[in-house]
Amino acid sequence: MDEGEVSTSCIYTIFNTSCNRRSLGIMTILMEIQYSHDKKKRYVCPGYAYREDSFYDYKKKFAGTEYYDWCGNWKPFQRNLS
């Protein structure tokens, strides 16, 4: 985990994929959020995700998620609830 002045970032987190059903990715993000909250950080970057479906989709389940549009803007990520 990298720690900045107002944020934390955990780009790479690795676990055994045979444990997918245990939602270790979600648990890891929750622990990152708790750590960041305890350290009074304003932002948490959970790392990479794709617009298309991928194995990173668990990161898209959190409310308040934003994405970077590569034009210098952070925008709210709209979850597909269907």
PDB file of N, CA and C in Angstrom:
ATOM      1  N   MET A   1       0.853  -1.179   0.000  1.00  0.00           N
ATOM      2  CA  MET A   1       0.000   0.000   0.000  1.00  0.00           C
ATOM      3  C   MET A   1       0.888   1.229   0.000  1.00  0.00           C
ATOM      4  N   ASP A   2       0.552   2.165  -0.849  1.00  0.00           N
ATOM      5  CA  ASP A   2       1.227   3.455  -0.859  1.00  0.00           C
ATOM      6  C   ASP A   2       0.368   4.446  -0.095  1.00  0.00           C
ATOM      7  N   GLU A   3       1.030   5.322   0.638  1.00  0.00           N
ATOM      8  CA  GLU A   3       0.317   6.294   1.456  1.00  0.00           C
ATOM      9  C   GLU A   3       0.762   7.694   1.084  1.00  0.00           C
ATOM     10  N   GLY A   4      -0.190   8.510   0.673  1.00  0.00           N
ATOM     11  CA  GLY A   4       0.085   9.899   0.348  1.00  0.00           C
ATOM     12  C   GLY A   4      -0.419  10.812   1.441  1.00  0.00           C
ATOM     13  N   GLU A   5      -0.358  12.096   1.169  1.00  0.00           N
ATOM     14  CA  GLU A   5      -0.786  13.085   2.153  1.00  0.00           C
ATOM     15  C   GLU A   5      -2.277  12.978   2.477  1.00  0.00           C
ATOM     16  N   VAL A   6      -3.114  12.768   1.442  1.00  0.00           N
ATOM     17  CA  VAL A   6      -4.556  12.697   1.660  1.00  0.00           C
ATOM     18  C   VAL A   6      -5.175  11.402   1.138  1.00  0.00           C
ATOM     19  N   SER A   7      -4.339  10.449   0.718  1.00  0.00           N
ATOM     20  CA  SER A   7      -4.890   9.246   0.103  1.00  0.00           C
ATOM     21  C   SER A   7      -4.009   8.022   0.329  1.00  0.00           C
ATOM     22  N   THR A   8      -4.606   6.870   0.052  1.00  0.00           N
ATOM     23  CA  THR A   8      -3.862   5.612   0.027  1.00  0.00           C
ATOM     24  C   THR A   8      -4.167   4.931  -1.306  1.00  0.00           C
ATOM     25  N   SER A   9      -3.265   4.068  -1.712  1.00  0.00           N
ATOM     26  CA  SER A   9      -3.418   3.360  -2.977  1.00  0.00           C
ATOM     27  C   SER A   9      -2.837   1.966  -2.840  1.00  0.00           C
ATOM     28  N   CYS A  10      -3.608   1.009  -3.266  1.00  0.00           N
ATOM     29  CA  CYS A  10      -3.151  -0.373  -3.237  1.00  0.00           C
ATOM     30  C   CYS A  10      -3.417  -0.973  -4.609  1.00  0.00           C
ATOM     31  N   ILE A  11      -2.499  -0.722  -5.517  1.00  0.00           N
ATOM     32  CA  ILE A  11      -2.685  -1.141  -6.899  1.00  0.00           C
ATOM     33  C   ILE A  11      -2.637  -2.663  -7.045  1.00  0.00           C
ATOM     34  N   TYR A  12      -1.672  -3.291  -6.425  1.00  0.00           N
ATOM     35  CA  TYR A  12      -1.515  -4.734  -6.575  1.00  0.00           C
ATOM     36  C   TYR A  12      -1.832  -5.457  -5.276  1.00  0.00           C
ATOM     37  N   THR A  13      -2.807  -6.336  -5.346  1.00  0.00           N
ATOM     38  CA  THR A  13      -3.145  -7.225  -4.242  1.00  0.00           C
ATOM     39  C   THR A  13      -3.311  -8.609  -4.864  1.00  0.00           C
ATOM     40  N   ILE A  14      -2.667  -9.576  -4.301  1.00  0.00           N
ATOM     41  CA  ILE A  14      -2.655 -10.905  -4.910  1.00  0.00           C
ATOM     42  C   ILE A  14      -3.189 -11.940  -3.919  1.00  0.00           C
ATOM     43  N   PHE A  15      -4.022 -12.853  -4.429  1.00  0.00           N
ATOM     44  CA  PHE A  15      -4.498 -13.968  -3.623  1.00  0.00           C
ATOM     45  C   PHE A  15      -4.736 -15.160  -4.534  1.00  0.00           C
ATOM     46  N   ASN A  16      -4.867 -16.304  -3.959  1.00  0.00           N
ATOM     47  CA  ASN A  16      -5.084 -17.540  -4.695  1.00  0.00           C
ATOM     48  C   ASN A  16      -6.480 -17.521  -5.315  1.00  0.00           C
ATOM     49  N   THR A  17      -6.565 -17.622  -6.627  1.00  0.00           N
ATOM     50  CA  THR A  17      -7.855 -17.531  -7.311  1.00  0.00           C
ATOM     51  C   THR A  17      -8.797 -18.683  -6.980  1.00  0.00           C
ATOM     52  N   SER A  18      -8.294 -19.758  -6.400  1.00  0.00           N
ATOM     53  CA  SER A  18      -9.190 -20.842  -5.979  1.00  0.00           C
ATOM     54  C   SER A  18     -10.044 -20.404  -4.788  1.00  0.00           C
ATOM     55  N   CYS A  19      -9.725 -19.255  -4.208  1.00  0.00           N
ATOM     56  CA  CYS A  19     -10.484 -18.714  -3.070  1.00  0.00           C
ATOM     57  C   CYS A  19     -11.464 -17.618  -3.495  1.00  0.00           C
ATOM     58  N   ASN A  20     -11.751 -17.497  -4.791  1.00  0.00           N
ATOM     59  CA  ASN A  20     -12.622 -16.428  -5.292  1.00  0.00           C
ATOM     60  C   ASN A  20     -13.953 -16.334  -4.560  1.00  0.00           C
ATOM     61  N   ARG A  21     -14.559 -17.453  -4.245  1.00  0.00           N
ATOM     62  CA  ARG A  21     -15.885 -17.441  -3.627  1.00  0.00           C
ATOM     63  C   ARG A  21     -15.870 -16.773  -2.259  1.00  0.00           C
ATOM     64  N   ARG A  22     -14.700 -16.593  -1.672  1.00  0.00           N
ATOM     65  CA  ARG A  22     -14.587 -15.975  -0.349  1.00  0.00           C
ATOM     66  C   ARG A  22     -14.518 -14.456  -0.430  1.00  0.00           C
ATOM     67  N   SER A  23     -14.518 -13.890  -1.628  1.00  0.00           N
ATOM     68  CA  SER A  23     -14.514 -12.433  -1.831  1.00  0.00           C
ATOM     69  C   SER A  23     -13.352 -11.742  -1.122  1.00  0.00           C
ATOM     70  N   LEU A  24     -12.145 -12.292  -1.284  1.00  0.00           N
ATOM     71  CA  LEU A  24     -10.978 -11.702  -0.636  1.00  0.00           C
ATOM     72  C   LEU A  24     -10.662 -10.310  -1.172  1.00  0.00           C
ATOM     73  N   GLY A  25     -10.996 -10.055  -2.438  1.00  0.00           N
ATOM     74  CA  GLY A  25     -10.785  -8.721  -2.991  1.00  0.00           C
ATOM     75  C   GLY A  25     -11.622  -7.685  -2.262  1.00  0.00           C
ATOM     76  N   ILE A  26     -12.895  -8.014  -2.018  1.00  0.00           N
ATOM     77  CA  ILE A  26     -13.783  -7.113  -1.277  1.00  0.00           C
ATOM     78  C   ILE A  26     -13.251  -6.910   0.141  1.00  0.00           C
ATOM     79  N   MET A  27     -12.845  -7.988   0.782  1.00  0.00           N
ATOM     80  CA  MET A  27     -12.319  -7.885   2.149  1.00  0.00           C
ATOM     81  C   MET A  27     -11.078  -6.994   2.188  1.00  0.00           C
ATOM     82  N   THR A  28     -10.212  -7.152   1.212  1.00  0.00           N
ATOM     83  CA  THR A  28      -8.996  -6.341   1.161  1.00  0.00           C
ATOM     84  C   THR A  28      -9.335  -4.860   1.005  1.00  0.00           C
ATOM     85  N   ILE A  29     -10.277  -4.544   0.120  1.00  0.00           N
ATOM     86  CA  ILE A  29     -10.665  -3.147  -0.065  1.00  0.00           C
ATOM     87  C   ILE A  29     -11.277  -2.593   1.223  1.00  0.00           C
ATOM     88  N   LEU A  30     -12.119  -3.373   1.893  1.00  0.00           N
ATOM     89  CA  LEU A  30     -12.697  -2.915   3.158  1.00  0.00           C
ATOM     90  C   LEU A  30     -11.610  -2.631   4.193  1.00  0.00           C
ATOM     91  N   MET A  31     -10.584  -3.464   4.231  1.00  0.00           N
ATOM     92  CA  MET A  31      -9.472  -3.238   5.168  1.00  0.00           C
ATOM     93  C   MET A  31      -8.686  -1.985   4.778  1.00  0.00           C
ATOM     94  N   GLU A  32      -8.518  -1.746   3.469  1.00  0.00           N
ATOM     95  CA  GLU A  32      -7.841  -0.531   3.002  1.00  0.00           C
ATOM     96  C   GLU A  32      -8.637   0.710   3.394  1.00  0.00           C
ATOM     97  N   ILE A  33      -9.962   0.641   3.241  1.00  0.00           N
ATOM     98  CA  ILE A  33     -10.822   1.761   3.623  1.00  0.00           C
ATOM     99  C   ILE A  33     -10.712   2.016   5.121  1.00  0.00           C
ATOM    100  N   GLN A  34     -10.752   0.964   5.913  1.00  0.00           N
ATOM    101  CA  GLN A  34     -10.645   1.126   7.374  1.00  0.00           C
ATOM    102  C   GLN A  34      -9.308   1.743   7.760  1.00  0.00           C
ATOM    103  N   TYR A  35      -8.223   1.254   7.182  1.00  0.00           N
ATOM    104  CA  TYR A  35      -6.894   1.800   7.455  1.00  0.00           C
ATOM    105  C   TYR A  35      -6.846   3.278   7.085  1.00  0.00           C
ATOM    106  N   SER A  36      -7.369   3.602   5.898  1.00  0.00           N
ATOM    107  CA  SER A  36      -7.352   4.984   5.416  1.00  0.00           C
ATOM    108  C   SER A  36      -8.187   5.885   6.316  1.00  0.00           C
ATOM    109  N   HIS A  37      -9.325   5.391   6.745  1.00  0.00           N
ATOM    110  CA  HIS A  37     -10.176   6.150   7.671  1.00  0.00           C
ATOM    111  C   HIS A  37      -9.444   6.404   8.982  1.00  0.00           C
ATOM    112  N   ASP A  38      -8.830   5.357   9.510  1.00  0.00           N
ATOM    113  CA  ASP A  38      -8.094   5.496  10.775  1.00  0.00           C
ATOM    114  C   ASP A  38      -6.955   6.505  10.665  1.00  0.00           C
ATOM    115  N   LYS A  39      -6.342   6.594   9.488  1.00  0.00           N
ATOM    116  CA  LYS A  39      -5.226   7.529   9.255  1.00  0.00           C
ATOM    117  C   LYS A  39      -5.718   8.891   8.753  1.00  0.00           C
ATOM    118  N   LYS A  40      -7.065   9.049   8.727  1.00  0.00           N
ATOM    119  CA  LYS A  40      -7.683  10.316   8.305  1.00  0.00           C
ATOM    120  C   LYS A  40      -7.351  10.703   6.862  1.00  0.00           C
ATOM    121  N   LYS A  41      -7.287   9.705   6.008  1.00  0.00           N
ATOM    122  CA  LYS A  41      -7.073   9.938   4.578  1.00  0.00           C
ATOM    123  C   LYS A  41      -8.426  10.191   3.920  1.00  0.00           C
ATOM    124  N   ARG A  42      -8.432  11.014   2.904  1.00  0.00           N
ATOM    125  CA  ARG A  42      -9.683  11.383   2.242  1.00  0.00           C
ATOM    126  C   ARG A  42     -10.067  10.427   1.115  1.00  0.00           C
ATOM    127  N   TYR A  43      -9.077   9.848   0.457  1.00  0.00           N
ATOM    128  CA  TYR A  43      -9.328   9.013  -0.716  1.00  0.00           C
ATOM    129  C   TYR A  43      -8.637   7.660  -0.586  1.00  0.00           C
ATOM    130  N   VAL A  44      -9.249   6.667  -1.231  1.00  0.00           N
ATOM    131  CA  VAL A  44      -8.665   5.329  -1.344  1.00  0.00           C
ATOM    132  C   VAL A  44      -8.709   4.941  -2.822  1.00  0.00           C
ATOM    133  N   CYS A  45      -7.581   4.579  -3.372  1.00  0.00           N
ATOM    134  CA  CYS A  45      -7.527   4.094  -4.752  1.00  0.00           C
ATOM    135  C   CYS A  45      -7.377   2.574  -4.709  1.00  0.00           C
ATOM    136  N   PRO A  46      -8.409   1.838  -5.124  1.00  0.00           N
ATOM    137  CA  PRO A  46      -8.332   0.376  -5.062  1.00  0.00           C
ATOM    138  C   PRO A  46      -7.568  -0.252  -6.213  1.00  0.00           C
ATOM    139  N   GLY A  47      -7.066   0.548  -7.135  1.00  0.00           N
ATOM    140  CA  GLY A  47      -6.291   0.003  -8.242  1.00  0.00           C
ATOM    141  C   GLY A  47      -7.079  -0.069  -9.529  1.00  0.00           C
ATOM    142  N   TYR A  48      -6.588  -0.888 -10.421  1.00  0.00           N
ATOM    143  CA  TYR A  48      -7.110  -0.963 -11.775  1.00  0.00           C
ATOM    144  C   TYR A  48      -8.484  -1.617 -11.858  1.00  0.00           C
ATOM    145  N   ALA A  49      -9.254  -1.175 -12.840  1.00  0.00           N
ATOM    146  CA  ALA A  49     -10.495  -1.836 -13.243  1.00  0.00           C
ATOM    147  C   ALA A  49     -10.717  -1.471 -14.709  1.00  0.00           C
ATOM    148  N   TYR A  50     -11.524  -2.226 -15.375  1.00  0.00           N
ATOM    149  CA  TYR A  50     -11.831  -1.971 -16.781  1.00  0.00           C
ATOM    150  C   TYR A  50     -13.292  -1.570 -16.930  1.00  0.00           C
ATOM    151  N   ARG A  51     -13.582  -0.778 -17.953  1.00  0.00           N
ATOM    152  CA  ARG A  51     -14.967  -0.444 -18.268  1.00  0.00           C
ATOM    153  C   ARG A  51     -15.714  -1.725 -18.641  1.00  0.00           C
ATOM    154  N   GLU A  52     -15.075  -2.586 -19.413  1.00  0.00           N
ATOM    155  CA  GLU A  52     -15.662  -3.853 -19.817  1.00  0.00           C
ATOM    156  C   GLU A  52     -15.626  -4.828 -18.638  1.00  0.00           C
ATOM    157  N   ASP A  53     -16.370  -5.924 -18.766  1.00  0.00           N
ATOM    158  CA  ASP A  53     -16.354  -6.957 -17.737  1.00  0.00           C
ATOM    159  C   ASP A  53     -14.956  -7.549 -17.604  1.00  0.00           C
ATOM    160  N   SER A  54     -14.535  -7.782 -16.372  1.00  0.00           N
ATOM    161  CA  SER A  54     -13.226  -8.382 -16.123  1.00  0.00           C
ATOM    162  C   SER A  54     -13.183  -8.945 -14.707  1.00  0.00           C
ATOM    163  N   PHE A  55     -12.062  -9.529 -14.362  1.00  0.00           N
ATOM    164  CA  PHE A  55     -11.877 -10.051 -13.010  1.00  0.00           C
ATOM    165  C   PHE A  55     -11.709  -8.937 -11.985  1.00  0.00           C
ATOM    166  N   TYR A  56     -11.685  -7.680 -12.412  1.00  0.00           N
ATOM    167  CA  TYR A  56     -11.621  -6.537 -11.494  1.00  0.00           C
ATOM    168  C   TYR A  56     -13.008  -6.011 -11.122  1.00  0.00           C
ATOM    169  N   ASP A  57     -14.062  -6.638 -11.590  1.00  0.00           N
ATOM    170  CA  ASP A  57     -15.410  -6.108 -11.401  1.00  0.00           C
ATOM    171  C   ASP A  57     -15.815  -5.968  -9.938  1.00  0.00           C
ATOM    172  N   TYR A  58     -15.239  -6.725  -9.042  1.00  0.00           N
ATOM    173  CA  TYR A  58     -15.581  -6.589  -7.624  1.00  0.00           C
ATOM    174  C   TYR A  58     -15.307  -5.171  -7.130  1.00  0.00           C
ATOM    175  N   LYS A  59     -14.382  -4.465  -7.754  1.00  0.00           N
ATOM    176  CA  LYS A  59     -14.059  -3.094  -7.354  1.00  0.00           C
ATOM    177  C   LYS A  59     -15.161  -2.115  -7.737  1.00  0.00           C
ATOM    178  N   LYS A  60     -16.018  -2.496  -8.648  1.00  0.00           N
ATOM    179  CA  LYS A  60     -17.093  -1.623  -9.120  1.00  0.00           C
ATOM    180  C   LYS A  60     -18.329  -1.681  -8.232  1.00  0.00           C
ATOM    181  N   LYS A  61     -18.309  -2.476  -7.180  1.00  0.00           N
ATOM    182  CA  LYS A  61     -19.478  -2.664  -6.319  1.00  0.00           C
ATOM    183  C   LYS A  61     -19.619  -1.587  -5.253  1.00  0.00           C
ATOM    184  N   PHE A  62     -18.656  -0.695  -5.141  1.00  0.00           N
ATOM    185  CA  PHE A  62     -18.659   0.301  -4.075  1.00  0.00           C
ATOM    186  C   PHE A  62     -19.317   1.599  -4.530  1.00  0.00           C
ATOM    187  N   ALA A  63     -20.201   2.140  -3.698  1.00  0.00           N
ATOM    188  CA  ALA A  63     -20.822   3.441  -3.974  1.00  0.00           C
ATOM    189  C   ALA A  63     -19.767   4.531  -3.863  1.00  0.00           C
ATOM    190  N   GLY A  64     -19.963   5.602  -4.609  1.00  0.00           N
ATOM    191  CA  GLY A  64     -19.034   6.721  -4.549  1.00  0.00           C
ATOM    192  C   GLY A  64     -17.766   6.531  -5.355  1.00  0.00           C
ATOM    193  N   THR A  65     -17.729   5.491  -6.192  1.00  0.00           N
ATOM    194  CA  THR A  65     -16.559   5.214  -7.011  1.00  0.00           C
ATOM    195  C   THR A  65     -16.479   6.219  -8.167  1.00  0.00           C
ATOM    196  N   GLU A  66     -15.276   6.662  -8.447  1.00  0.00           N
ATOM    197  CA  GLU A  66     -15.034   7.574  -9.555  1.00  0.00           C
ATOM    198  C   GLU A  66     -14.017   6.965 -10.507  1.00  0.00           C
ATOM    199  N   TYR A  67     -13.994   7.478 -11.737  1.00  0.00           N
ATOM    200  CA  TYR A  67     -12.994   7.053 -12.709  1.00  0.00           C
ATOM    201  C   TYR A  67     -12.326   8.282 -13.311  1.00  0.00           C
ATOM    202  N   TYR A  68     -11.134   8.078 -13.832  1.00  0.00           N
ATOM    203  CA  TYR A  68     -10.357   9.139 -14.471  1.00  0.00           C
ATOM    204  C   TYR A  68     -10.571   9.048 -15.966  1.00  0.00           C
ATOM    205  N   ASP A  69     -10.953  10.147 -16.614  1.00  0.00           N
ATOM    206  CA  ASP A  69     -11.284  10.096 -18.039  1.00  0.00           C
ATOM    207  C   ASP A  69     -10.100  10.387 -18.969  1.00  0.00           C
ATOM    208  N   TRP A  70      -8.917  10.490 -18.455  1.00  0.00           N
ATOM    209  CA  TRP A  70      -7.675  10.733 -19.207  1.00  0.00           C
ATOM    210  C   TRP A  70      -7.640  12.097 -19.887  1.00  0.00           C
ATOM    211  N   CYS A  71      -8.616  12.944 -19.572  1.00  0.00           N
ATOM    212  CA  CYS A  71      -8.593  14.341 -20.024  1.00  0.00           C
ATOM    213  C   CYS A  71      -8.397  15.249 -18.813  1.00  0.00           C
ATOM    214  N   GLY A  72      -8.069  14.643 -17.679  1.00  0.00           N
ATOM    215  CA  GLY A  72      -7.816  15.403 -16.460  1.00  0.00           C
ATOM    216  C   GLY A  72      -9.007  15.534 -15.542  1.00  0.00           C
ATOM    217  N   ASN A  73     -10.027  14.693 -15.745  1.00  0.00           N
ATOM    218  CA  ASN A  73     -11.248  14.810 -14.941  1.00  0.00           C
ATOM    219  C   ASN A  73     -11.567  13.515 -14.212  1.00  0.00           C
ATOM    220  N   TRP A  74     -12.006  13.634 -12.971  1.00  0.00           N
ATOM    221  CA  TRP A  74     -12.567  12.518 -12.221  1.00  0.00           C
ATOM    222  C   TRP A  74     -14.075  12.606 -12.348  1.00  0.00           C
ATOM    223  N   LYS A  75     -14.715  11.494 -12.698  1.00  0.00           N
ATOM    224  CA  LYS A  75     -16.160  11.465 -12.905  1.00  0.00           C
ATOM    225  C   LYS A  75     -16.766  10.314 -12.120  1.00  0.00           C
ATOM    226  N   PRO A  76     -18.030  10.467 -11.705  1.00  0.00           N
ATOM    227  CA  PRO A  76     -18.694   9.379 -10.982  1.00  0.00           C
ATOM    228  C   PRO A  76     -18.860   8.147 -11.865  1.00  0.00           C
ATOM    229  N   PHE A  77     -18.554   6.995 -11.309  1.00  0.00           N
ATOM    230  CA  PHE A  77     -18.762   5.737 -12.028  1.00  0.00           C
ATOM    231  C   PHE A  77     -20.216   5.316 -11.843  1.00  0.00           C
ATOM    232  N   GLN A  78     -20.916   5.095 -12.945  1.00  0.00           N
ATOM    233  CA  GLN A  78     -22.309   4.672 -12.904  1.00  0.00           C
ATOM    234  C   GLN A  78     -22.369   3.148 -12.962  1.00  0.00           C
ATOM    235  N   ARG A  79     -22.830   2.544 -11.890  1.00  0.00           N
ATOM    236  CA  ARG A  79     -22.941   1.080 -11.861  1.00  0.00           C
ATOM    237  C   ARG A  79     -24.121   0.622 -12.682  1.00  0.00           C
ATOM    238  N   ASN A  80     -23.940  -0.468 -13.390  1.00  0.00           N
ATOM    239  CA  ASN A  80     -25.029  -1.094 -14.128  1.00  0.00           C
ATOM    240  C   ASN A  80     -25.743  -2.032 -13.165  1.00  0.00           C
ATOM    241  N   LEU A  81     -26.912  -1.656 -12.712  1.00  0.00           N
ATOM    242  CA  LEU A  81     -27.634  -2.435 -11.700  1.00  0.00           C
ATOM    243  C   LEU A  81     -28.530  -3.514 -12.284  1.00  0.00           C
ATOM    244  N   SER A  82     -28.511  -3.679 -13.583  1.00  0.00           N
ATOM    245  CA  SER A  82     -29.377  -4.707 -14.191  1.00  0.00           C
ATOM    246  C   SER A  82     -28.725  -6.060 -14.180  1.00  0.00           C
TER     247      SER A  82
END
